[in-house]
Amino acid sequence: MQPDMQAFQWTRQPESYLIGENRVEIVTPPHTDLWQRTYYGFRNDNAPVLQMRTAEKYFSFVVRTEFDSRARFDQCGIVLYLDSENWLKASVEYENEQIQHLGSVVTNHGYSDWATTEIPASVRVMWYRLSRRADDFRLECSTDGKTFRQMRICHLWEGGGEVQFGIYACSPEDSSFRAVFTDIELLECQWPAHDGQPPDP
């Protein structure tokens, strides 16, 4: 199901953007990012984020990203942003002319982690799927929008109630690029219940 784009609201609206029926374009402002504390010691919380709200405990959200990033750390992707200290994101982050980092960040109570794998810098399109089961979440990616591969399963300590989810794009250094988001879908949860070891009593 295609969500109503009027239900999406900005957290930090960029100067340059377009919102259509099933298309969003964001031109990233320079020196914008999402990161909290871990390893680097700094805190960045100024990336443009466009989200909708739901109290639904089980759902999946899908989006296709297309990007012309060309400066270090340029990134765009899927996000679930509760507040500055509790959020998750998945994206392709540009590194240099040879490689990019396909990865995800989970931030709980003001501390971020970063799980990545290197992919060629020639990749310019990526789909993402975010699935929720209560306060646990699954991030997946796809190069064709059909076959999705798991990136991670994670828990958000503050993710049990109403959540906000959507898209983001940012340029941490002195750069800017255009990120295009299409094929936006809100689906029944595509993350099946676990059918192996039973839960602990």
C-alpha atoms as a PDB file:
ATOM      1  CA  MET A   1       0.000   0.000   0.000  1.00  0.00           C
ATOM      2  CA  GLN A   2       1.263   3.431  -0.883  1.00  0.00           C
ATOM      3  CA  PRO A   3       1.118   5.690   2.191  1.00  0.00           C
ATOM      4  CA  ASP A   4      -0.382   9.162   2.055  1.00  0.00           C
ATOM      5  CA  MET A   5       2.594  11.491   1.674  1.00  0.00           C
ATOM      6  CA  GLN A   6       0.651  14.187   3.531  1.00  0.00           C
ATOM      7  CA  ALA A   7       1.057  12.044   6.657  1.00  0.00           C
ATOM      8  CA  PHE A   8       4.816  12.608   6.551  1.00  0.00           C
ATOM      9  CA  GLN A   9       6.269  15.444   8.605  1.00  0.00           C
ATOM     10  CA  TRP A  10       9.715  16.997   8.652  1.00  0.00           C
ATOM     11  CA  THR A  11      12.193  16.807  11.460  1.00  0.00           C
ATOM     12  CA  ARG A  12      14.622  19.483  10.228  1.00  0.00           C
ATOM     13  CA  GLN A  13      13.268  20.531   6.861  1.00  0.00           C
ATOM     14  CA  PRO A  14      15.934  21.166   4.187  1.00  0.00           C
ATOM     15  CA  GLU A  15      15.920  24.270   2.027  1.00  0.00           C
ATOM     16  CA  SER A  16      15.646  22.305  -1.228  1.00  0.00           C
ATOM     17  CA  TYR A  17      13.216  19.409  -1.604  1.00  0.00           C
ATOM     18  CA  LEU A  18      10.255  18.129  -3.638  1.00  0.00           C
ATOM     19  CA  ILE A  19       7.415  15.872  -2.460  1.00  0.00           C
ATOM     20  CA  GLY A  20       5.173  14.164  -5.023  1.00  0.00           C
ATOM     21  CA  GLU A  21       2.604  11.367  -4.938  1.00  0.00           C
ATOM     22  CA  ASN A  22       5.219   8.646  -4.461  1.00  0.00           C
ATOM     23  CA  ARG A  23       8.459  10.539  -4.876  1.00  0.00           C
ATOM     24  CA  VAL A  24      10.594  12.650  -2.589  1.00  0.00           C
ATOM     25  CA  GLU A  25      13.740  14.525  -3.580  1.00  0.00           C
ATOM     26  CA  ILE A  26      16.107  15.986  -1.008  1.00  0.00           C
ATOM     27  CA  VAL A  27      19.128  18.140  -1.752  1.00  0.00           C
ATOM     28  CA  THR A  28      21.311  17.658   1.298  1.00  0.00           C
ATOM     29  CA  PRO A  29      22.600  20.636   3.272  1.00  0.00           C
ATOM     30  CA  PRO A  30      26.340  20.503   4.012  1.00  0.00           C
ATOM     31  CA  HIS A  31      27.557  19.531   7.496  1.00  0.00           C
ATOM     32  CA  THR A  32      24.480  17.453   8.373  1.00  0.00           C
ATOM     33  CA  ASP A  33      24.509  14.015   9.994  1.00  0.00           C
ATOM     34  CA  LEU A  34      23.019  11.608  12.547  1.00  0.00           C
ATOM     35  CA  TRP A  35      25.491  10.149  15.060  1.00  0.00           C
ATOM     36  CA  GLN A  36      25.805   9.898  18.845  1.00  0.00           C
ATOM     37  CA  ARG A  37      28.986   9.696  20.946  1.00  0.00           C
ATOM     38  CA  THR A  38      30.453   6.225  20.317  1.00  0.00           C
ATOM     39  CA  TYR A  39      34.158   6.110  19.334  1.00  0.00           C
ATOM     40  CA  TYR A  40      34.323   9.532  17.661  1.00  0.00           C
ATOM     41  CA  GLY A  41      33.187  11.354  20.777  1.00  0.00           C
ATOM     42  CA  PHE A  42      31.071  13.920  18.937  1.00  0.00           C
ATOM     43  CA  ARG A  43      27.301  14.190  18.585  1.00  0.00           C
ATOM     44  CA  ASN A  44      25.561  15.168  15.333  1.00  0.00           C
ATOM     45  CA  ASP A  45      21.791  15.527  15.171  1.00  0.00           C
ATOM     46  CA  ASN A  46      20.892  17.805  12.269  1.00  0.00           C
ATOM     47  CA  ALA A  47      20.099  15.601   9.248  1.00  0.00           C
ATOM     48  CA  PRO A  48      16.851  16.217   7.329  1.00  0.00           C
ATOM     49  CA  VAL A  49      14.339  13.501   8.292  1.00  0.00           C
ATOM     50  CA  LEU A  50      10.858  12.989   6.791  1.00  0.00           C
ATOM     51  CA  GLN A  51       8.612  10.585   8.731  1.00  0.00           C
ATOM     52  CA  MET A  52       5.117   9.384   9.507  1.00  0.00           C
ATOM     53  CA  ARG A  53       3.805   8.101  12.858  1.00  0.00           C
ATOM     54  CA  THR A  54       2.150   4.850  13.843  1.00  0.00           C
ATOM     55  CA  ALA A  55       1.278   2.867  16.946  1.00  0.00           C
ATOM     56  CA  GLU A  56       0.960  -0.308  14.844  1.00  0.00           C
ATOM     57  CA  LYS A  57       3.158  -3.024  16.377  1.00  0.00           C
ATOM     58  CA  TYR A  58       3.663  -5.061  13.206  1.00  0.00           C
ATOM     59  CA  PHE A  59       4.420  -3.504   9.820  1.00  0.00           C
ATOM     60  CA  SER A  60       7.024  -3.177   7.075  1.00  0.00           C
ATOM     61  CA  PHE A  61       8.115   0.003   5.299  1.00  0.00           C
ATOM     62  CA  VAL A  62       9.883  -0.133   1.923  1.00  0.00           C
ATOM     63  CA  VAL A  63      11.620   2.584  -0.090  1.00  0.00           C
ATOM     64  CA  ARG A  64      13.872   2.788  -3.149  1.00  0.00           C
ATOM     65  CA  THR A  65      16.773   5.251  -3.008  1.00  0.00           C
ATOM     66  CA  GLU A  66      18.691   6.734  -5.917  1.00  0.00           C
ATOM     67  CA  PHE A  67      21.631   8.999  -5.226  1.00  0.00           C
ATOM     68  CA  ASP A  68      24.441  10.943  -6.899  1.00  0.00           C
ATOM     69  CA  SER A  69      26.626  11.171  -3.795  1.00  0.00           C
ATOM     70  CA  ARG A  70      30.245  12.010  -4.520  1.00  0.00           C
ATOM     71  CA  ALA A  71      31.804  13.283  -1.288  1.00  0.00           C
ATOM     72  CA  ARG A  72      32.955  11.333   1.763  1.00  0.00           C
ATOM     73  CA  PHE A  73      30.145  10.285   4.107  1.00  0.00           C
ATOM     74  CA  ASP A  74      27.289  11.436   1.796  1.00  0.00           C
ATOM     75  CA  GLN A  75      24.369   9.138   2.629  1.00  0.00           C
ATOM     76  CA  CYS A  76      20.634   8.571   2.253  1.00  0.00           C
ATOM     77  CA  GLY A  77      18.285   5.828   3.283  1.00  0.00           C
ATOM     78  CA  ILE A  78      15.622   4.606   5.674  1.00  0.00           C
ATOM     79  CA  VAL A  79      15.243   5.811   9.253  1.00  0.00           C
ATOM     80  CA  LEU A  80      13.214   5.335  12.420  1.00  0.00           C
ATOM     81  CA  TYR A  81      13.908   8.438  14.495  1.00  0.00           C
ATOM     82  CA  LEU A  82      12.284   8.716  17.928  1.00  0.00           C
ATOM     83  CA  ASP A  83      14.457  11.500  19.349  1.00  0.00           C
ATOM     84  CA  SER A  84      18.092  12.589  19.259  1.00  0.00           C
ATOM     85  CA  GLU A  85      19.238   9.669  21.432  1.00  0.00           C
ATOM     86  CA  ASN A  86      17.047   6.819  20.142  1.00  0.00           C
ATOM     87  CA  TRP A  87      16.906   5.909  16.463  1.00  0.00           C
ATOM     88  CA  LEU A  88      18.078   3.578  13.708  1.00  0.00           C
ATOM     89  CA  LYS A  89      19.023   4.084  10.077  1.00  0.00           C
ATOM     90  CA  ALA A  90      20.264   2.147   7.039  1.00  0.00           C
ATOM     91  CA  SER A  91      22.030   3.667   4.055  1.00  0.00           C
ATOM     92  CA  VAL A  92      24.819   3.610   1.508  1.00  0.00           C
ATOM     93  CA  GLU A  93      27.560   5.951   2.680  1.00  0.00           C
ATOM     94  CA  TYR A  94      30.037   7.197   0.075  1.00  0.00           C
ATOM     95  CA  GLU A  95      33.728   6.753   0.876  1.00  0.00           C
ATOM     96  CA  ASN A  96      35.782   7.310  -2.299  1.00  0.00           C
ATOM     97  CA  GLU A  97      35.834   6.565  -6.031  1.00  0.00           C
ATOM     98  CA  GLN A  98      36.296   2.848  -5.357  1.00  0.00           C
ATOM     99  CA  ILE A  99      34.069   1.927  -2.405  1.00  0.00           C
ATOM    100  CA  GLN A 100      31.013   2.840  -0.365  1.00  0.00           C
ATOM    101  CA  HIS A 101      29.738   1.467   2.936  1.00  0.00           C
ATOM    102  CA  LEU A 102      26.375  -0.269   2.927  1.00  0.00           C
ATOM    103  CA  GLY A 103      25.403  -0.345   6.559  1.00  0.00           C
ATOM    104  CA  SER A 104      23.192   0.483   9.479  1.00  0.00           C
ATOM    105  CA  VAL A 105      23.369   2.406  12.728  1.00  0.00           C
ATOM    106  CA  VAL A 106      21.358   1.714  15.874  1.00  0.00           C
ATOM    107  CA  THR A 107      21.356   4.316  18.634  1.00  0.00           C
ATOM    108  CA  ASN A 108      20.061   3.499  22.117  1.00  0.00           C
ATOM    109  CA  HIS A 109      20.142   6.026  24.963  1.00  0.00           C
ATOM    110  CA  GLY A 110      22.627   8.272  23.188  1.00  0.00           C
ATOM    111  CA  TYR A 111      25.179   5.721  21.941  1.00  0.00           C
ATOM    112  CA  SER A 112      25.467   4.670  18.290  1.00  0.00           C
ATOM    113  CA  ASP A 113      26.942   1.590  16.675  1.00  0.00           C
ATOM    114  CA  TRP A 114      27.783   1.113  13.005  1.00  0.00           C
ATOM    115  CA  ALA A 115      27.675  -2.197  11.108  1.00  0.00           C
ATOM    116  CA  THR A 116      28.920  -2.055   7.497  1.00  0.00           C
ATOM    117  CA  THR A 117      30.129  -3.907   4.458  1.00  0.00           C
ATOM    118  CA  GLU A 118      31.995  -2.458   1.487  1.00  0.00           C
ATOM    119  CA  ILE A 119      30.275  -2.236  -1.905  1.00  0.00           C
ATOM    120  CA  PRO A 120      31.452  -0.686  -5.195  1.00  0.00           C
ATOM    121  CA  ALA A 121      31.182   3.073  -5.566  1.00  0.00           C
ATOM    122  CA  SER A 122      29.352   2.479  -8.853  1.00  0.00           C
ATOM    123  CA  VAL A 123      26.182   1.411  -6.972  1.00  0.00           C
ATOM    124  CA  ARG A 124      23.665   4.251  -7.253  1.00  0.00           C
ATOM    125  CA  VAL A 125      20.370   2.553  -6.335  1.00  0.00           C
ATOM    126  CA  MET A 126      19.355   0.631  -3.208  1.00  0.00           C
ATOM    127  CA  TRP A 127      16.034  -0.529  -1.735  1.00  0.00           C
ATOM    128  CA  TYR A 128      15.492  -0.831   2.012  1.00  0.00           C
ATOM    129  CA  ARG A 129      12.851  -2.599   4.090  1.00  0.00           C
ATOM    130  CA  LEU A 130      12.246  -1.808   7.757  1.00  0.00           C
ATOM    131  CA  SER A 131      10.069  -4.273   9.669  1.00  0.00           C
ATOM    132  CA  ARG A 132       8.708  -3.956  13.185  1.00  0.00           C
ATOM    133  CA  ARG A 133       7.677  -6.636  15.639  1.00  0.00           C
ATOM    134  CA  ALA A 134       6.811  -4.766  18.871  1.00  0.00           C
ATOM    135  CA  ASP A 135      10.061  -3.131  20.061  1.00  0.00           C
ATOM    136  CA  ASP A 136      12.322  -5.241  17.839  1.00  0.00           C
ATOM    137  CA  PHE A 137      13.241  -4.249  14.288  1.00  0.00           C
ATOM    138  CA  ARG A 138      14.699  -5.803  11.164  1.00  0.00           C
ATOM    139  CA  LEU A 139      16.581  -3.927   8.431  1.00  0.00           C
ATOM    140  CA  GLU A 140      16.968  -5.396   4.950  1.00  0.00           C
ATOM    141  CA  CYS A 141      18.367  -4.194   1.632  1.00  0.00           C
ATOM    142  CA  SER A 142      17.868  -5.116  -2.020  1.00  0.00           C
ATOM    143  CA  THR A 143      19.454  -4.211  -5.331  1.00  0.00           C
ATOM    144  CA  ASP A 144      16.325  -5.010  -7.362  1.00  0.00           C
ATOM    145  CA  GLY A 145      13.383  -4.400  -5.022  1.00  0.00           C
ATOM    146  CA  LYS A 146      12.450  -8.095  -5.125  1.00  0.00           C
ATOM    147  CA  THR A 147      15.058 -10.091  -3.218  1.00  0.00           C
ATOM    148  CA  PHE A 148      15.762  -8.569   0.198  1.00  0.00           C
ATOM    149  CA  ARG A 149      18.732  -9.569   2.342  1.00  0.00           C
ATOM    150  CA  GLN A 150      18.934  -9.097   6.079  1.00  0.00           C
ATOM    151  CA  MET A 151      21.283  -6.385   7.334  1.00  0.00           C
ATOM    152  CA  ARG A 152      20.493  -6.712  11.033  1.00  0.00           C
ATOM    153  CA  ILE A 153      17.956  -7.433  13.755  1.00  0.00           C
ATOM    154  CA  CYS A 154      17.991  -5.005  16.659  1.00  0.00           C
ATOM    155  CA  HIS A 155      16.147  -3.738  19.707  1.00  0.00           C
ATOM    156  CA  LEU A 156      15.246  -0.141  20.539  1.00  0.00           C
ATOM    157  CA  TRP A 157      14.884   0.380  24.285  1.00  0.00           C
ATOM    158  CA  GLU A 158      12.408   3.201  23.711  1.00  0.00           C
ATOM    159  CA  GLY A 159      10.746   1.626  20.678  1.00  0.00           C
ATOM    160  CA  GLY A 160       7.757  -0.068  22.266  1.00  0.00           C
ATOM    161  CA  GLY A 161       5.125   2.623  21.802  1.00  0.00           C
ATOM    162  CA  GLU A 162       4.240   4.962  18.970  1.00  0.00           C
ATOM    163  CA  VAL A 163       7.119   5.291  16.509  1.00  0.00           C
ATOM    164  CA  GLN A 164       8.101   7.565  13.640  1.00  0.00           C
ATOM    165  CA  PHE A 165       9.713   6.175  10.500  1.00  0.00           C
ATOM    166  CA  GLY A 166      10.598   7.302   7.014  1.00  0.00           C
ATOM    167  CA  ILE A 167      13.583   8.615   5.070  1.00  0.00           C
ATOM    168  CA  TYR A 168      16.635  10.792   5.567  1.00  0.00           C
ATOM    169  CA  ALA A 169      19.601  12.203   3.641  1.00  0.00           C
ATOM    170  CA  CYS A 170      22.665  14.116   4.789  1.00  0.00           C
ATOM    171  CA  SER A 171      26.169  15.310   3.917  1.00  0.00           C
ATOM    172  CA  PRO A 172      28.438  15.359   6.984  1.00  0.00           C
ATOM    173  CA  GLU A 173      31.256  17.216   5.222  1.00  0.00           C
ATOM    174  CA  ASP A 174      31.240  20.372   3.077  1.00  0.00           C
ATOM    175  CA  SER A 175      29.206  18.800   0.262  1.00  0.00           C
ATOM    176  CA  SER A 176      25.700  18.393  -1.124  1.00  0.00           C
ATOM    177  CA  PHE A 177      23.922  15.886  -3.359  1.00  0.00           C
ATOM    178  CA  ARG A 178      20.450  14.953  -4.592  1.00  0.00           C
ATOM    179  CA  ALA A 179      18.724  11.917  -3.063  1.00  0.00           C
ATOM    180  CA  VAL A 180      15.575  10.546  -4.715  1.00  0.00           C
ATOM    181  CA  PHE A 181      13.124   8.278  -2.875  1.00  0.00           C
ATOM    182  CA  THR A 182      10.455   6.308  -4.794  1.00  0.00           C
ATOM    183  CA  ASP A 183       8.496   3.024  -4.613  1.00  0.00           C
ATOM    184  CA  ILE A 184       7.417   3.936  -1.089  1.00  0.00           C
ATOM    185  CA  GLU A 185       5.228   1.224   0.459  1.00  0.00           C
ATOM    186  CA  LEU A 186       3.657   0.467   3.814  1.00  0.00           C
ATOM    187  CA  LEU A 187       2.927  -3.249   4.137  1.00  0.00           C
ATOM    188  CA  GLU A 188       1.811  -5.920   6.536  1.00  0.00           C
ATOM    189  CA  CYS A 189       4.829  -7.151   8.453  1.00  0.00           C
ATOM    190  CA  GLN A 190       7.134  -9.054   6.098  1.00  0.00           C
ATOM    191  CA  TRP A 191       9.245 -10.366   8.995  1.00  0.00           C
ATOM    192  CA  PRO A 192       7.761 -13.756   9.886  1.00  0.00           C
ATOM    193  CA  ALA A 193       7.512 -14.978  13.441  1.00  0.00           C
ATOM    194  CA  HIS A 194      10.454 -17.106  14.547  1.00  0.00           C
ATOM    195  CA  ASP A 195       9.836 -20.836  14.068  1.00  0.00           C
ATOM    196  CA  GLY A 196      12.951 -22.260  15.755  1.00  0.00           C
ATOM    197  CA  GLN A 197      13.916 -22.353  19.425  1.00  0.00           C
ATOM    198  CA  PRO A 198      10.956 -21.334  21.593  1.00  0.00           C
ATOM    199  CA  PRO A 199      11.161 -18.192  23.745  1.00  0.00           C
ATOM    200  CA  ASP A 200      12.503 -18.492  27.261  1.00  0.00           C
ATOM    201  CA  PRO A 201       9.758 -18.932  29.897  1.00  0.00           C
END
